[in-house]
Amino acid sequence: MSSRPPNLTFKLVLLGDGRVGKTSLVLRYVNNSFSEKQQATVQASYLTKRLVIEGVPITLSIWDTAGQERFHALGPIYYRDADAALLVYDITDNDTFVRVRKWVKELQQMASKNIIMTIAANKSDLVRSKKFDIQEAESYAAAIGSKLFLTSAKSGTGVEEAFLDIATRLLQNKKNSVEGLSPAPPRKGIVIVDEPEKEPPPKCCS
């Protein structure tokens, strides 16, 4: 009788300035919908998305936070125990990219050390020329061990890819962690209930 892999739940928090399109990205991803008249989020809203990656059922618990400065102090409530963060900025407004850098510093100081960060350059549909410079953002993302995705909640471009990348990396982290995913078929039922293997101590005086 083959045992099914456990359903994994991960907490994902969206952070970024007000009006950069965080809510629109979540609604596009979860409900495949978009509204030009999306209301600004007050405090936070919560949605879930179920998907299967490499045969493992995953539930993303997505927290969409308010971007206005007056709600900034609430940030730690949502990201303190988050497994991943999607940092969103408006590709047409460099100030919102500066805010992403501030969020990253805050996460590095206060969030889980293993938090996965992904950056979304949103509203890419508004950029007429494809020559806009995203090199700085790409270099920055690479420097913090993150990835950059060009997204448009309006057209749907890049949205699925950004969330899928987060979920895939979360699963990979889980597989690489000490508890891992059990049962692991290649191990043939052997469960290691200790730390990862260490080098045996050198034999003395033989």
Protein backbone atom coordinates (compact mmCIF):
# COMPACT_ATOMS: atom_id res chain seq x y z
CA MET A 1 0.00 0.00 0.00
CA SER A 2 1.68 3.19 -1.14
CA SER A 3 1.39 6.11 1.26
CA ARG A 4 0.48 9.48 -0.19
CA PRO A 5 2.77 12.43 0.46
CA PRO A 6 1.45 14.80 3.13
CA ASN A 7 -0.34 17.97 2.12
CA LEU A 8 2.12 20.76 2.83
CA THR A 9 0.95 24.21 3.81
CA PHE A 10 3.20 27.22 3.37
CA LYS A 11 2.57 30.81 4.39
CA LEU A 12 3.30 33.44 1.75
CA VAL A 13 3.11 37.16 2.49
CA LEU A 14 2.93 39.94 -0.12
CA LEU A 15 4.75 43.15 0.72
CA GLY A 16 5.17 46.41 -1.17
CA ASP A 17 4.01 49.99 -1.44
CA GLY A 18 0.35 50.95 -1.71
CA ARG A 19 -1.16 50.71 -5.21
CA VAL A 20 1.62 48.59 -6.73
CA GLY A 21 -0.91 45.84 -7.47
CA LYS A 22 -0.40 43.27 -4.70
CA THR A 23 -4.10 42.47 -4.36
CA SER A 24 -4.55 42.36 -8.12
CA LEU A 25 -1.69 39.86 -8.42
CA VAL A 26 -3.23 37.57 -5.78
CA LEU A 27 -6.70 37.76 -7.33
CA ARG A 28 -5.28 37.08 -10.79
CA TYR A 29 -3.41 34.05 -9.45
CA VAL A 30 -6.12 32.58 -7.22
CA ASN A 31 -9.32 33.54 -9.09
CA ASN A 32 -7.94 34.49 -12.52
CA SER A 33 -9.76 37.81 -12.25
CA PHE A 34 -8.76 41.48 -12.59
CA SER A 35 -10.53 44.72 -11.75
CA GLU A 36 -9.44 48.22 -12.79
CA LYS A 37 -11.19 49.55 -9.66
CA GLN A 38 -9.54 47.35 -7.05
CA GLN A 39 -10.00 48.86 -3.60
CA ALA A 40 -6.90 49.53 -1.49
CA THR A 41 -6.31 46.81 1.07
CA VAL A 42 -6.87 47.83 4.67
CA GLN A 43 -4.76 45.78 7.11
CA ALA A 44 -4.65 42.42 5.30
CA SER A 45 -6.67 39.86 3.38
CA TYR A 46 -6.19 36.12 3.15
CA LEU A 47 -6.64 33.64 0.30
CA THR A 48 -5.52 30.08 -0.30
CA LYS A 49 -4.36 28.34 -3.46
CA ARG A 50 -3.97 24.59 -3.82
CA LEU A 51 -1.55 23.10 -6.33
CA VAL A 52 0.45 19.93 -6.89
CA ILE A 53 4.19 20.05 -7.56
CA GLU A 54 6.18 16.89 -8.31
CA GLY A 55 3.23 14.87 -7.06
CA VAL A 56 3.10 16.67 -3.71
CA PRO A 57 -0.11 18.52 -2.81
CA ILE A 58 0.68 22.03 -1.58
CA THR A 59 -1.52 24.72 -0.08
CA LEU A 60 -0.30 28.30 -0.26
CA SER A 61 -1.77 30.47 2.50
CA ILE A 62 -1.41 33.89 0.90
CA TRP A 63 -1.51 37.03 3.04
CA ASP A 64 -2.00 40.24 1.09
CA THR A 65 -0.92 43.16 3.28
CA ALA A 66 -1.82 46.85 3.15
CA GLY A 67 0.90 48.93 1.50
CA GLN A 68 0.08 52.34 2.93
CA GLU A 69 2.70 53.71 5.31
CA ARG A 70 0.23 53.95 8.20
CA PHE A 71 -0.11 50.15 8.17
CA HIS A 72 3.63 49.48 8.02
CA ALA A 73 3.89 48.66 11.73
CA LEU A 74 1.55 45.68 11.18
CA GLY A 75 4.06 44.03 8.81
CA PRO A 76 5.77 41.81 11.42
CA ILE A 77 2.43 40.27 12.40
CA TYR A 78 2.18 38.78 8.92
CA TYR A 79 5.77 38.03 7.95
CA ARG A 80 7.19 36.83 11.28
CA ASP A 81 6.27 33.18 10.64
CA ALA A 82 6.05 33.38 6.84
CA ASP A 83 7.81 30.77 4.70
CA ALA A 84 8.05 33.11 1.70
CA ALA A 85 7.59 36.74 0.71
CA LEU A 86 6.61 38.16 -2.65
CA LEU A 87 7.92 41.74 -2.80
CA VAL A 88 5.99 43.76 -5.34
CA TYR A 89 6.84 47.07 -6.96
CA ASP A 90 5.42 49.15 -9.77
CA ILE A 91 7.80 48.97 -12.72
CA THR A 92 6.88 52.54 -13.73
CA ASP A 93 7.67 54.01 -10.29
CA ASN A 94 11.23 53.68 -8.97
CA ASP A 95 10.24 54.86 -5.49
CA THR A 96 8.31 51.62 -5.04
CA PHE A 97 11.48 49.65 -5.87
CA VAL A 98 13.32 51.60 -3.17
CA ARG A 99 10.57 50.49 -0.76
CA VAL A 100 11.16 46.84 -1.74
CA ARG A 101 14.80 47.21 -0.69
CA LYS A 102 13.64 48.49 2.70
CA TRP A 103 11.27 45.54 3.11
CA VAL A 104 14.11 43.14 2.27
CA LYS A 105 16.34 44.66 4.97
CA GLU A 106 13.49 44.36 7.46
CA LEU A 107 12.86 40.72 6.52
CA GLN A 108 16.56 39.90 6.80
CA GLN A 109 16.58 41.30 10.33
CA MET A 110 13.21 40.11 11.63
CA ALA A 111 11.76 37.27 9.58
CA SER A 112 12.73 33.60 9.49
CA LYS A 113 16.32 33.04 8.34
CA ASN A 114 15.03 30.56 5.74
CA ILE A 115 12.38 32.85 4.24
CA ILE A 116 12.24 32.66 0.44
CA MET A 117 12.04 36.05 -1.26
CA THR A 118 10.83 36.73 -4.79
CA ILE A 119 10.49 40.15 -6.43
CA ALA A 120 7.69 41.03 -8.84
CA ALA A 121 8.13 44.00 -11.17
CA ASN A 122 4.41 44.55 -11.67
CA LYS A 123 2.39 46.58 -14.21
CA SER A 124 4.72 45.50 -17.02
CA ASP A 125 1.77 45.99 -19.41
CA LEU A 126 2.14 49.77 -18.91
CA VAL A 127 5.63 49.88 -20.34
CA ARG A 128 5.40 50.52 -24.06
CA SER A 129 9.10 50.08 -24.78
CA LYS A 130 10.80 46.83 -23.90
CA LYS A 131 14.06 48.75 -23.42
CA PHE A 132 13.29 49.80 -19.86
CA ASP A 133 16.13 48.99 -17.51
CA ILE A 134 15.47 46.11 -15.17
CA GLN A 135 19.15 45.28 -14.87
CA GLU A 136 19.46 46.96 -11.47
CA ALA A 137 16.46 45.03 -10.15
CA GLU A 138 17.77 41.74 -11.57
CA SER A 139 21.23 42.30 -10.05
CA TYR A 140 19.66 43.20 -6.72
CA ALA A 141 17.43 40.10 -6.75
CA ALA A 142 20.44 37.88 -7.49
CA ALA A 143 22.46 39.54 -4.70
CA ILE A 144 19.84 38.63 -2.07
CA GLY A 145 19.35 35.09 -3.40
CA SER A 146 16.02 36.02 -4.94
CA LYS A 147 14.49 35.98 -8.41
CA LEU A 148 12.85 38.77 -10.38
CA PHE A 149 9.66 38.25 -12.38
CA LEU A 150 8.08 40.75 -14.75
CA THR A 151 4.38 40.55 -13.97
CA SER A 152 1.13 42.10 -15.10
CA ALA A 153 -1.96 41.40 -13.03
CA LYS A 154 -3.96 42.99 -15.84
CA SER A 155 -2.78 40.70 -18.65
CA GLY A 156 -1.76 37.79 -16.42
CA THR A 157 1.83 37.80 -17.72
CA GLY A 158 4.37 36.26 -15.37
CA VAL A 159 1.91 35.84 -12.48
CA GLU A 160 1.59 32.05 -12.53
CA GLU A 161 5.36 31.73 -13.04
CA ALA A 162 6.20 33.90 -10.01
CA PHE A 163 3.93 32.00 -7.61
CA LEU A 164 4.94 28.63 -9.06
CA ASP A 165 8.61 29.45 -8.58
CA ILE A 166 7.94 30.31 -4.92
CA ALA A 167 6.01 27.07 -4.34
CA THR A 168 8.70 24.98 -6.08
CA ARG A 169 11.48 26.54 -4.00
CA LEU A 170 9.45 26.03 -0.81
CA LEU A 171 9.03 22.36 -1.65
CA GLN A 172 12.74 22.03 -2.44
CA ASN A 173 13.65 23.63 0.90
CA LYS A 174 11.33 21.21 2.66
CA LYS A 175 12.92 18.25 0.93
CA ASN A 176 16.39 19.50 1.85
CA SER A 177 15.49 20.17 5.47
CA VAL A 178 16.20 17.76 8.30
CA GLU A 179 12.61 16.56 8.66
CA GLY A 180 12.23 16.37 4.89
CA LEU A 181 9.24 14.70 3.28
CA SER A 182 8.40 11.28 4.60
CA PRO A 183 8.22 8.66 3.43
CA ALA A 184 11.10 9.07 0.98
CA PRO A 185 10.95 6.11 -1.46
CA PRO A 186 14.70 5.90 -2.27
CA ARG A 187 15.49 5.32 1.41
CA LYS A 188 13.39 2.12 1.35
CA GLY A 189 11.79 2.76 4.70
CA ILE A 190 14.91 3.78 6.56
CA VAL A 191 14.09 6.85 8.61
CA ILE A 192 16.98 8.89 9.91
CA VAL A 193 15.89 10.43 13.19
CA ASP A 194 18.96 12.48 13.81
CA GLU A 195 20.95 15.24 12.26
CA PRO A 196 22.30 14.87 8.74
CA GLU A 197 25.28 12.55 8.49
CA LYS A 198 28.50 13.87 9.93
CA GLU A 199 32.05 12.73 9.28
CA PRO A 200 32.98 10.00 11.79
CA PRO A 201 35.46 11.25 14.40
CA PRO A 202 39.07 10.35 13.58
CA LYS A 203 40.21 7.14 15.26
CA CYS A 204 42.84 7.79 17.85
CA CYS A 205 45.87 5.80 18.86
CA SER A 206 45.32 2.74 16.64
